[in-house]
């Protein structure tokens, strides 16, 4: 059976650090940047453990600013 993995692309400058994507991720891939901030002064989301991403796109679905894109890769 094919394995599906994912890749998350986050526009850090548009992210306002609302934490909704972090909570929505079922495999704890995303976290908020603890020390760095973007140009607007927000702690932005980032993929802390991208190898665990399953490509479900729950993070992109709940993002109110639409700054997350999820790519799915099928490995045979």
N, C-alpha and C. Protein backbone atom coordinates (compact mmCIF):
# COMPACT_ATOMS: atom_id res chain seq x y z
N UNK A 1 0.84 -1.18 0.00
CA UNK A 1 0.00 0.00 0.00
C UNK A 1 0.88 1.25 0.00
N UNK A 2 0.46 2.27 -0.69
CA UNK A 2 1.24 3.51 -0.80
C UNK A 2 1.20 4.28 0.50
N UNK A 3 2.34 4.89 0.80
CA UNK A 3 2.43 5.73 1.99
C UNK A 3 2.30 7.18 1.57
N UNK A 4 1.50 7.94 2.29
CA UNK A 4 1.30 9.35 1.99
C UNK A 4 2.03 10.17 3.05
N UNK A 5 2.90 11.05 2.59
CA UNK A 5 3.55 11.98 3.49
C UNK A 5 3.24 13.38 3.01
N UNK A 6 3.49 14.35 3.85
CA UNK A 6 3.15 15.71 3.49
C UNK A 6 4.29 16.68 3.69
N UNK A 7 4.10 17.86 3.14
CA UNK A 7 5.02 18.97 3.32
C UNK A 7 4.20 20.22 3.58
N UNK A 8 4.58 20.97 4.57
CA UNK A 8 3.85 22.16 4.97
C UNK A 8 4.67 23.39 4.60
N UNK A 9 4.03 24.33 3.91
CA UNK A 9 4.67 25.60 3.57
C UNK A 9 3.89 26.71 4.26
N UNK A 10 4.57 27.46 5.14
CA UNK A 10 3.92 28.52 5.91
C UNK A 10 4.52 29.86 5.52
N UNK A 11 3.67 30.81 5.17
CA UNK A 11 4.12 32.17 4.89
C UNK A 11 4.31 32.88 6.23
N UNK A 12 5.54 32.90 6.71
CA UNK A 12 5.85 33.43 8.04
C UNK A 12 5.46 34.88 8.22
N UNK A 13 5.54 35.67 7.17
CA UNK A 13 5.23 37.09 7.30
C UNK A 13 3.73 37.36 7.42
N UNK A 14 2.90 36.46 6.93
CA UNK A 14 1.45 36.63 7.06
C UNK A 14 0.90 36.00 8.33
N UNK A 15 1.65 35.09 8.94
CA UNK A 15 1.20 34.37 10.14
C UNK A 15 1.13 35.32 11.33
N UNK A 16 0.01 35.26 12.07
CA UNK A 16 -0.13 36.11 13.25
C UNK A 16 -0.03 35.31 14.55
N UNK A 17 0.38 34.05 14.45
CA UNK A 17 0.63 33.26 15.65
C UNK A 17 -0.60 32.95 16.47
N UNK A 18 -1.71 32.68 15.84
CA UNK A 18 -2.96 32.43 16.56
C UNK A 18 -2.99 31.06 17.22
N UNK A 19 -2.09 30.14 16.82
CA UNK A 19 -1.94 28.82 17.42
C UNK A 19 -3.02 27.81 17.00
N UNK A 20 -3.93 28.19 16.12
CA UNK A 20 -4.99 27.27 15.69
C UNK A 20 -4.42 26.09 14.91
N UNK A 21 -3.44 26.32 14.08
CA UNK A 21 -2.85 25.24 13.29
C UNK A 21 -2.09 24.26 14.17
N UNK A 22 -1.44 24.77 15.20
CA UNK A 22 -0.69 23.91 16.13
C UNK A 22 -1.65 22.96 16.84
N UNK A 23 -2.78 23.47 17.26
CA UNK A 23 -3.78 22.67 17.96
C UNK A 23 -4.45 21.67 17.01
N UNK A 24 -4.65 22.07 15.75
CA UNK A 24 -5.36 21.22 14.79
C UNK A 24 -4.52 20.06 14.27
N UNK A 25 -3.22 20.16 14.34
CA UNK A 25 -2.34 19.12 13.79
C UNK A 25 -2.43 17.84 14.62
N UNK A 26 -2.86 16.73 14.01
CA UNK A 26 -3.04 15.49 14.78
C UNK A 26 -1.74 14.78 15.13
N UNK A 27 -0.64 15.15 14.47
CA UNK A 27 0.64 14.47 14.73
C UNK A 27 1.71 15.41 15.27
N UNK A 28 1.32 16.57 15.75
CA UNK A 28 2.21 17.54 16.40
C UNK A 28 3.41 17.93 15.55
N UNK A 29 3.15 18.30 14.31
CA UNK A 29 4.22 18.74 13.42
C UNK A 29 4.54 20.22 13.65
N UNK A 30 3.52 21.02 13.88
CA UNK A 30 3.69 22.47 13.97
C UNK A 30 3.87 22.97 15.39
N UNK A 31 4.64 24.05 15.50
CA UNK A 31 4.85 24.73 16.77
C UNK A 31 4.96 26.22 16.48
N UNK A 32 4.81 27.04 17.53
CA UNK A 32 5.06 28.47 17.37
C UNK A 32 6.51 28.76 17.68
N UNK A 33 7.11 29.63 16.89
CA UNK A 33 8.49 30.02 17.09
C UNK A 33 8.63 30.72 18.45
N UNK A 34 9.40 30.18 19.38
CA UNK A 34 9.45 30.76 20.73
C UNK A 34 10.25 32.06 20.83
N UNK A 35 11.26 32.25 19.99
CA UNK A 35 12.14 33.42 20.13
C UNK A 35 12.05 34.41 18.99
N UNK A 36 11.87 33.92 17.77
CA UNK A 36 11.84 34.82 16.62
C UNK A 36 10.43 35.36 16.37
N UNK A 37 10.36 36.54 15.79
CA UNK A 37 9.09 37.15 15.39
C UNK A 37 9.20 37.61 13.95
N UNK A 38 8.03 37.75 13.30
CA UNK A 38 8.03 38.24 11.92
C UNK A 38 8.03 39.77 11.92
N UNK A 39 7.89 40.38 10.75
CA UNK A 39 7.93 41.84 10.65
C UNK A 39 6.78 42.54 11.37
N UNK A 40 5.71 41.80 11.63
CA UNK A 40 4.57 42.37 12.35
C UNK A 40 4.69 42.20 13.86
N UNK A 41 5.72 41.46 14.30
CA UNK A 41 5.94 41.27 15.73
C UNK A 41 5.28 40.04 16.31
N UNK A 42 4.81 39.12 15.46
CA UNK A 42 4.14 37.90 15.93
C UNK A 42 5.10 36.72 15.95
N UNK A 43 4.94 35.85 16.93
CA UNK A 43 5.64 34.57 16.93
C UNK A 43 4.92 33.68 15.92
N UNK A 44 5.57 33.31 14.86
CA UNK A 44 4.93 32.61 13.75
C UNK A 44 5.04 31.09 13.90
N UNK A 45 4.16 30.39 13.21
CA UNK A 45 4.16 28.92 13.21
C UNK A 45 5.26 28.41 12.29
N UNK A 46 5.79 27.24 12.63
CA UNK A 46 6.79 26.59 11.78
C UNK A 46 6.66 25.08 11.93
N UNK A 47 7.18 24.36 10.96
CA UNK A 47 7.14 22.90 10.99
C UNK A 47 8.34 22.40 11.81
N UNK A 48 8.07 21.99 13.03
CA UNK A 48 9.14 21.54 13.94
C UNK A 48 9.63 20.14 13.59
N UNK A 49 8.72 19.28 13.11
CA UNK A 49 9.08 17.90 12.79
C UNK A 49 8.39 17.50 11.50
N UNK A 50 8.89 18.00 10.38
CA UNK A 50 8.24 17.82 9.08
C UNK A 50 8.16 16.36 8.66
N UNK A 51 9.04 15.53 9.15
CA UNK A 51 9.02 14.11 8.78
C UNK A 51 7.78 13.39 9.28
N UNK A 52 7.10 13.93 10.27
CA UNK A 52 5.89 13.31 10.82
C UNK A 52 4.62 13.73 10.09
N UNK A 53 4.71 14.70 9.20
CA UNK A 53 3.53 15.23 8.50
C UNK A 53 2.88 14.15 7.64
N UNK A 54 1.56 14.02 7.79
CA UNK A 54 0.80 13.03 7.03
C UNK A 54 0.00 13.66 5.88
N UNK A 55 0.11 14.98 5.72
CA UNK A 55 -0.56 15.66 4.61
C UNK A 55 -2.05 15.79 4.76
N UNK A 56 -2.56 15.81 5.97
CA UNK A 56 -4.01 15.86 6.19
C UNK A 56 -4.61 17.24 5.90
N UNK A 57 -3.80 18.28 5.94
CA UNK A 57 -4.20 19.67 5.67
C UNK A 57 -5.15 20.25 6.70
N UNK A 58 -5.20 19.68 7.89
CA UNK A 58 -6.03 20.24 8.96
C UNK A 58 -5.53 21.63 9.33
N UNK A 59 -4.23 21.82 9.32
CA UNK A 59 -3.65 23.12 9.66
C UNK A 59 -4.08 24.20 8.67
N UNK A 60 -4.04 23.87 7.39
CA UNK A 60 -4.42 24.83 6.35
C UNK A 60 -5.91 25.14 6.40
N UNK A 61 -6.70 24.15 6.79
CA UNK A 61 -8.16 24.34 6.86
C UNK A 61 -8.54 25.33 7.95
N UNK A 62 -7.88 25.29 9.09
CA UNK A 62 -8.25 26.15 10.21
C UNK A 62 -7.54 27.50 10.20
N UNK A 63 -6.56 27.69 9.34
CA UNK A 63 -5.81 28.95 9.32
C UNK A 63 -6.70 30.09 8.84
N UNK A 64 -6.96 31.09 9.70
CA UNK A 64 -7.86 32.18 9.32
C UNK A 64 -7.27 33.12 8.27
N UNK A 65 -5.96 33.11 8.13
CA UNK A 65 -5.30 34.01 7.19
C UNK A 65 -4.88 33.33 5.90
N UNK A 66 -5.09 32.03 5.79
CA UNK A 66 -4.76 31.29 4.58
C UNK A 66 -3.28 31.32 4.24
N UNK A 67 -2.44 31.27 5.26
CA UNK A 67 -1.00 31.36 4.99
C UNK A 67 -0.31 30.00 5.04
N UNK A 68 -1.08 28.91 5.04
CA UNK A 68 -0.50 27.57 5.07
C UNK A 68 -0.92 26.81 3.82
N UNK A 69 0.05 26.20 3.17
CA UNK A 69 -0.19 25.34 2.02
C UNK A 69 0.39 23.97 2.35
N UNK A 70 -0.39 22.92 2.09
CA UNK A 70 0.06 21.57 2.37
C UNK A 70 0.17 20.81 1.05
N UNK A 71 1.30 20.15 0.87
CA UNK A 71 1.53 19.33 -0.31
C UNK A 71 1.56 17.87 0.12
N UNK A 72 0.92 17.01 -0.66
CA UNK A 72 0.91 15.58 -0.37
C UNK A 72 1.81 14.85 -1.36
N UNK A 73 2.59 13.92 -0.83
CA UNK A 73 3.48 13.12 -1.64
C UNK A 73 3.13 11.66 -1.42
N UNK A 74 2.87 10.95 -2.51
CA UNK A 74 2.55 9.52 -2.42
C UNK A 74 3.81 8.73 -2.73
N UNK A 75 4.26 7.94 -1.76
CA UNK A 75 5.44 7.10 -1.95
C UNK A 75 4.98 5.67 -2.13
N UNK A 76 5.37 5.07 -3.24
CA UNK A 76 4.92 3.70 -3.53
C UNK A 76 5.92 2.69 -3.06
